[in-house]
Amino acid sequence: LFMASRAPRVTWEAVYLPLVETILYGMASTGNGSMRLADGRMVPIARFCSWIITCPIMLFQVVGIHEVKVYGISCKNMVMAASLV
């Protein structure tokens, strides 16, 4: 709720990811996050749905790190310099 109240200042990902995780962890904790296969094994379907729904969004956030600047220096340049060391 805190991040949702800061909506004009944060991106939609900061609200979307915790919301999806809360819903899916809630499903898993109540026992509704699993599916029984024909052979009797239980598959944690909520965990797989969580990965499918949230991983692409987190990857887009990681890719966006090159736009961040610290003291006017691009993080992309700092990462490249650190990799040379």
N, C-alpha and C. Protein backbone atom coordinates (compact mmCIF):
# COMPACT_ATOMS: atom_id res chain seq x y z
N LEU A 1 0.82 -1.20 0.00
CA LEU A 1 0.00 0.00 0.00
C LEU A 1 0.86 1.26 0.00
N PHE A 2 2.01 1.18 0.66
CA PHE A 2 2.89 2.35 0.69
C PHE A 2 3.32 2.74 -0.71
N MET A 3 3.76 1.75 -1.50
CA MET A 3 4.22 2.06 -2.86
C MET A 3 3.07 2.54 -3.73
N ALA A 4 1.89 2.00 -3.53
CA ALA A 4 0.72 2.45 -4.30
C ALA A 4 0.38 3.90 -3.98
N SER A 5 0.59 4.30 -2.73
CA SER A 5 0.31 5.69 -2.37
C SER A 5 1.33 6.65 -2.98
N ARG A 6 2.48 6.15 -3.38
CA ARG A 6 3.52 6.96 -4.00
C ARG A 6 3.48 6.83 -5.53
N ALA A 7 2.36 6.43 -6.07
CA ALA A 7 2.23 6.11 -7.49
C ALA A 7 2.76 7.17 -8.44
N PRO A 8 2.55 8.45 -8.22
CA PRO A 8 3.11 9.40 -9.20
C PRO A 8 4.64 9.39 -9.21
N ARG A 9 5.29 8.96 -8.11
CA ARG A 9 6.74 9.02 -8.02
C ARG A 9 7.44 7.71 -8.36
N VAL A 10 6.73 6.61 -8.35
CA VAL A 10 7.35 5.32 -8.65
C VAL A 10 6.76 4.76 -9.93
N THR A 11 7.48 3.85 -10.55
CA THR A 11 7.00 3.23 -11.78
C THR A 11 5.98 2.16 -11.44
N TRP A 12 5.25 1.71 -12.44
CA TRP A 12 4.20 0.71 -12.22
C TRP A 12 4.79 -0.62 -11.76
N GLU A 13 6.04 -0.90 -12.10
CA GLU A 13 6.65 -2.16 -11.70
C GLU A 13 6.79 -2.26 -10.19
N ALA A 14 7.04 -1.13 -9.53
CA ALA A 14 7.22 -1.13 -8.07
C ALA A 14 5.93 -1.48 -7.34
N VAL A 15 4.80 -1.32 -7.98
CA VAL A 15 3.51 -1.69 -7.40
C VAL A 15 3.09 -3.07 -7.88
N TYR A 16 3.32 -3.36 -9.15
CA TYR A 16 2.87 -4.60 -9.77
C TYR A 16 3.54 -5.84 -9.20
N LEU A 17 4.87 -5.81 -9.07
CA LEU A 17 5.60 -7.00 -8.61
C LEU A 17 5.22 -7.43 -7.20
N PRO A 18 5.22 -6.54 -6.19
CA PRO A 18 4.81 -6.99 -4.86
C PRO A 18 3.35 -7.43 -4.81
N LEU A 19 2.49 -6.79 -5.59
CA LEU A 19 1.08 -7.16 -5.61
C LEU A 19 0.89 -8.58 -6.14
N VAL A 20 1.55 -8.89 -7.25
CA VAL A 20 1.45 -10.24 -7.83
C VAL A 20 2.03 -11.27 -6.87
N GLU A 21 3.17 -10.98 -6.28
CA GLU A 21 3.78 -11.92 -5.34
C GLU A 21 2.90 -12.14 -4.11
N THR A 22 2.27 -11.09 -3.61
CA THR A 22 1.38 -11.23 -2.46
C THR A 22 0.21 -12.14 -2.78
N ILE A 23 -0.38 -11.95 -3.94
CA ILE A 23 -1.52 -12.78 -4.34
C ILE A 23 -1.08 -14.24 -4.50
N LEU A 24 0.02 -14.47 -5.18
CA LEU A 24 0.44 -15.84 -5.43
C LEU A 24 0.96 -16.54 -4.17
N TYR A 25 1.65 -15.81 -3.29
CA TYR A 25 2.07 -16.42 -2.02
C TYR A 25 0.86 -16.72 -1.15
N GLY A 26 -0.14 -15.86 -1.21
CA GLY A 26 -1.39 -16.13 -0.48
C GLY A 26 -2.07 -17.39 -0.99
N MET A 27 -2.09 -17.56 -2.31
CA MET A 27 -2.66 -18.78 -2.88
C MET A 27 -1.88 -20.00 -2.42
N ALA A 28 -0.56 -19.91 -2.43
CA ALA A 28 0.27 -21.05 -2.05
C ALA A 28 0.11 -21.39 -0.57
N SER A 29 -0.05 -20.38 0.28
CA SER A 29 -0.16 -20.65 1.71
C SER A 29 -1.49 -21.28 2.09
N THR A 30 -2.52 -21.06 1.28
CA THR A 30 -3.82 -21.66 1.57
C THR A 30 -3.99 -23.02 0.91
N GLY A 31 -3.00 -23.44 0.15
CA GLY A 31 -3.09 -24.74 -0.51
C GLY A 31 -3.68 -24.69 -1.90
N ASN A 32 -4.06 -23.50 -2.35
CA ASN A 32 -4.64 -23.35 -3.68
C ASN A 32 -3.59 -23.12 -4.76
N GLY A 33 -2.33 -23.12 -4.39
CA GLY A 33 -1.26 -22.85 -5.34
C GLY A 33 -0.67 -24.09 -5.96
N SER A 34 -1.25 -25.25 -5.68
CA SER A 34 -0.73 -26.51 -6.21
C SER A 34 -1.77 -27.20 -7.07
N MET A 35 -1.28 -28.03 -7.97
CA MET A 35 -2.16 -28.78 -8.85
C MET A 35 -1.72 -30.24 -8.81
N ARG A 36 -2.68 -31.14 -8.70
CA ARG A 36 -2.37 -32.56 -8.66
C ARG A 36 -2.37 -33.12 -10.08
N LEU A 37 -1.26 -33.76 -10.46
CA LEU A 37 -1.16 -34.40 -11.77
C LEU A 37 -1.89 -35.73 -11.78
N ALA A 38 -2.04 -36.31 -12.95
CA ALA A 38 -2.76 -37.58 -13.09
C ALA A 38 -2.08 -38.71 -12.32
N ASP A 39 -0.77 -38.65 -12.16
CA ASP A 39 -0.06 -39.71 -11.43
C ASP A 39 0.00 -39.45 -9.93
N GLY A 40 -0.63 -38.39 -9.44
CA GLY A 40 -0.72 -38.12 -8.01
C GLY A 40 0.29 -37.13 -7.48
N ARG A 41 1.25 -36.72 -8.28
CA ARG A 41 2.24 -35.74 -7.82
C ARG A 41 1.63 -34.34 -7.75
N MET A 42 2.10 -33.56 -6.77
CA MET A 42 1.65 -32.18 -6.63
C MET A 42 2.66 -31.25 -7.30
N VAL A 43 2.17 -30.33 -8.10
CA VAL A 43 3.02 -29.37 -8.81
C VAL A 43 2.70 -27.98 -8.26
N PRO A 44 3.71 -27.23 -7.80
CA PRO A 44 3.47 -25.88 -7.27
C PRO A 44 3.22 -24.88 -8.40
N ILE A 45 2.02 -24.88 -8.93
CA ILE A 45 1.69 -24.06 -10.10
C ILE A 45 1.78 -22.56 -9.80
N ALA A 46 1.51 -22.16 -8.54
CA ALA A 46 1.60 -20.73 -8.19
C ALA A 46 3.03 -20.23 -8.34
N ARG A 47 4.00 -21.05 -7.99
CA ARG A 47 5.41 -20.65 -8.12
C ARG A 47 5.77 -20.46 -9.59
N PHE A 48 5.34 -21.37 -10.45
CA PHE A 48 5.64 -21.24 -11.87
C PHE A 48 4.95 -20.03 -12.47
N CYS A 49 3.71 -19.78 -12.07
CA CYS A 49 3.00 -18.59 -12.56
C CYS A 49 3.71 -17.33 -12.11
N SER A 50 4.20 -17.35 -10.88
CA SER A 50 4.93 -16.19 -10.37
C SER A 50 6.17 -15.91 -11.21
N TRP A 51 6.91 -16.94 -11.53
CA TRP A 51 8.11 -16.77 -12.35
C TRP A 51 7.75 -16.24 -13.74
N ILE A 52 6.74 -16.82 -14.35
CA ILE A 52 6.35 -16.42 -15.71
C ILE A 52 5.85 -14.98 -15.74
N ILE A 53 5.14 -14.57 -14.70
CA ILE A 53 4.54 -13.24 -14.69
C ILE A 53 5.54 -12.16 -14.28
N THR A 54 6.45 -12.46 -13.36
CA THR A 54 7.31 -11.40 -12.81
C THR A 54 8.72 -11.35 -13.38
N CYS A 55 9.28 -12.45 -13.83
CA CYS A 55 10.67 -12.44 -14.31
C CYS A 55 10.91 -11.50 -15.50
N PRO A 56 10.03 -11.47 -16.50
CA PRO A 56 10.28 -10.52 -17.60
C PRO A 56 10.29 -9.07 -17.13
N ILE A 57 9.43 -8.73 -16.18
CA ILE A 57 9.38 -7.36 -15.67
C ILE A 57 10.69 -7.03 -14.93
N MET A 58 11.18 -7.97 -14.12
CA MET A 58 12.43 -7.73 -13.40
C MET A 58 13.61 -7.63 -14.36
N LEU A 59 13.60 -8.39 -15.43
CA LEU A 59 14.67 -8.30 -16.42
C LEU A 59 14.66 -6.94 -17.12
N PHE A 60 13.47 -6.41 -17.40
CA PHE A 60 13.38 -5.08 -17.99
C PHE A 60 13.95 -4.03 -17.03
N GLN A 61 13.74 -4.21 -15.74
CA GLN A 61 14.30 -3.28 -14.76
C GLN A 61 15.83 -3.36 -14.73
N VAL A 62 16.37 -4.57 -14.81
CA VAL A 62 17.82 -4.73 -14.81
C VAL A 62 18.43 -4.13 -16.06
N VAL A 63 17.77 -4.30 -17.19
CA VAL A 63 18.27 -3.74 -18.44
C VAL A 63 18.25 -2.21 -18.38
N GLY A 64 17.30 -1.65 -17.64
CA GLY A 64 17.19 -0.20 -17.54
C GLY A 64 18.23 0.44 -16.65
N ILE A 65 19.10 -0.33 -16.02
CA ILE A 65 20.10 0.24 -15.11
C ILE A 65 21.11 1.11 -15.86
N HIS A 66 21.28 0.89 -17.14
CA HIS A 66 22.26 1.69 -17.88
C HIS A 66 21.83 3.16 -18.00
N GLU A 67 20.57 3.46 -17.70
CA GLU A 67 20.10 4.84 -17.77
C GLU A 67 20.35 5.60 -16.47
N VAL A 68 20.74 4.91 -15.41
CA VAL A 68 20.97 5.54 -14.11
C VAL A 68 22.30 6.28 -14.12
N LYS A 69 22.30 7.48 -13.54
CA LYS A 69 23.53 8.26 -13.45
C LYS A 69 23.83 8.58 -11.99
N VAL A 70 25.08 8.41 -11.61
CA VAL A 70 25.54 8.74 -10.26
C VAL A 70 26.58 9.84 -10.41
N TYR A 71 26.30 10.99 -9.82
CA TYR A 71 27.18 12.16 -9.94
C TYR A 71 27.48 12.48 -11.41
N GLY A 72 26.49 12.32 -12.26
CA GLY A 72 26.65 12.65 -13.67
C GLY A 72 27.36 11.60 -14.50
N ILE A 73 27.76 10.50 -13.87
CA ILE A 73 28.45 9.43 -14.59
C ILE A 73 27.49 8.28 -14.79
N SER A 74 27.36 7.81 -16.00
CA SER A 74 26.46 6.72 -16.31
C SER A 74 26.92 5.43 -15.64
N CYS A 75 25.97 4.68 -15.10
CA CYS A 75 26.32 3.37 -14.49
C CYS A 75 26.87 2.42 -15.53
N LYS A 76 26.47 2.60 -16.76
CA LYS A 76 26.99 1.76 -17.82
C LYS A 76 28.50 1.92 -17.93
N ASN A 77 28.97 3.15 -17.83
CA ASN A 77 30.41 3.41 -17.91
C ASN A 77 31.13 2.85 -16.68
N MET A 78 30.48 2.96 -15.51
CA MET A 78 31.11 2.44 -14.28
C MET A 78 31.22 0.92 -14.34
N VAL A 79 30.21 0.26 -14.87
CA VAL A 79 30.24 -1.20 -14.97
C VAL A 79 31.34 -1.62 -15.95
N MET A 80 31.45 -0.92 -17.05
CA MET A 80 32.48 -1.23 -18.03
C MET A 80 33.87 -1.02 -17.44
N ALA A 81 34.04 0.05 -16.67
CA ALA A 81 35.34 0.31 -16.04
C ALA A 81 35.65 -0.74 -14.98
N ALA A 82 34.66 -1.16 -14.23
CA ALA A 82 34.87 -2.17 -13.19
C ALA A 82 35.20 -3.52 -13.81
N SER A 83 34.64 -3.80 -14.98
CA SER A 83 34.91 -5.09 -15.60
C SER A 83 36.34 -5.15 -16.15
N LEU A 84 36.93 -4.00 -16.42
CA LEU A 84 38.31 -3.99 -16.91
C LEU A 84 39.31 -4.24 -15.77
N VAL A 85 38.89 -3.94 -14.57
CA VAL A 85 39.79 -4.08 -13.41
C VAL A 85 39.87 -5.48 -12.97
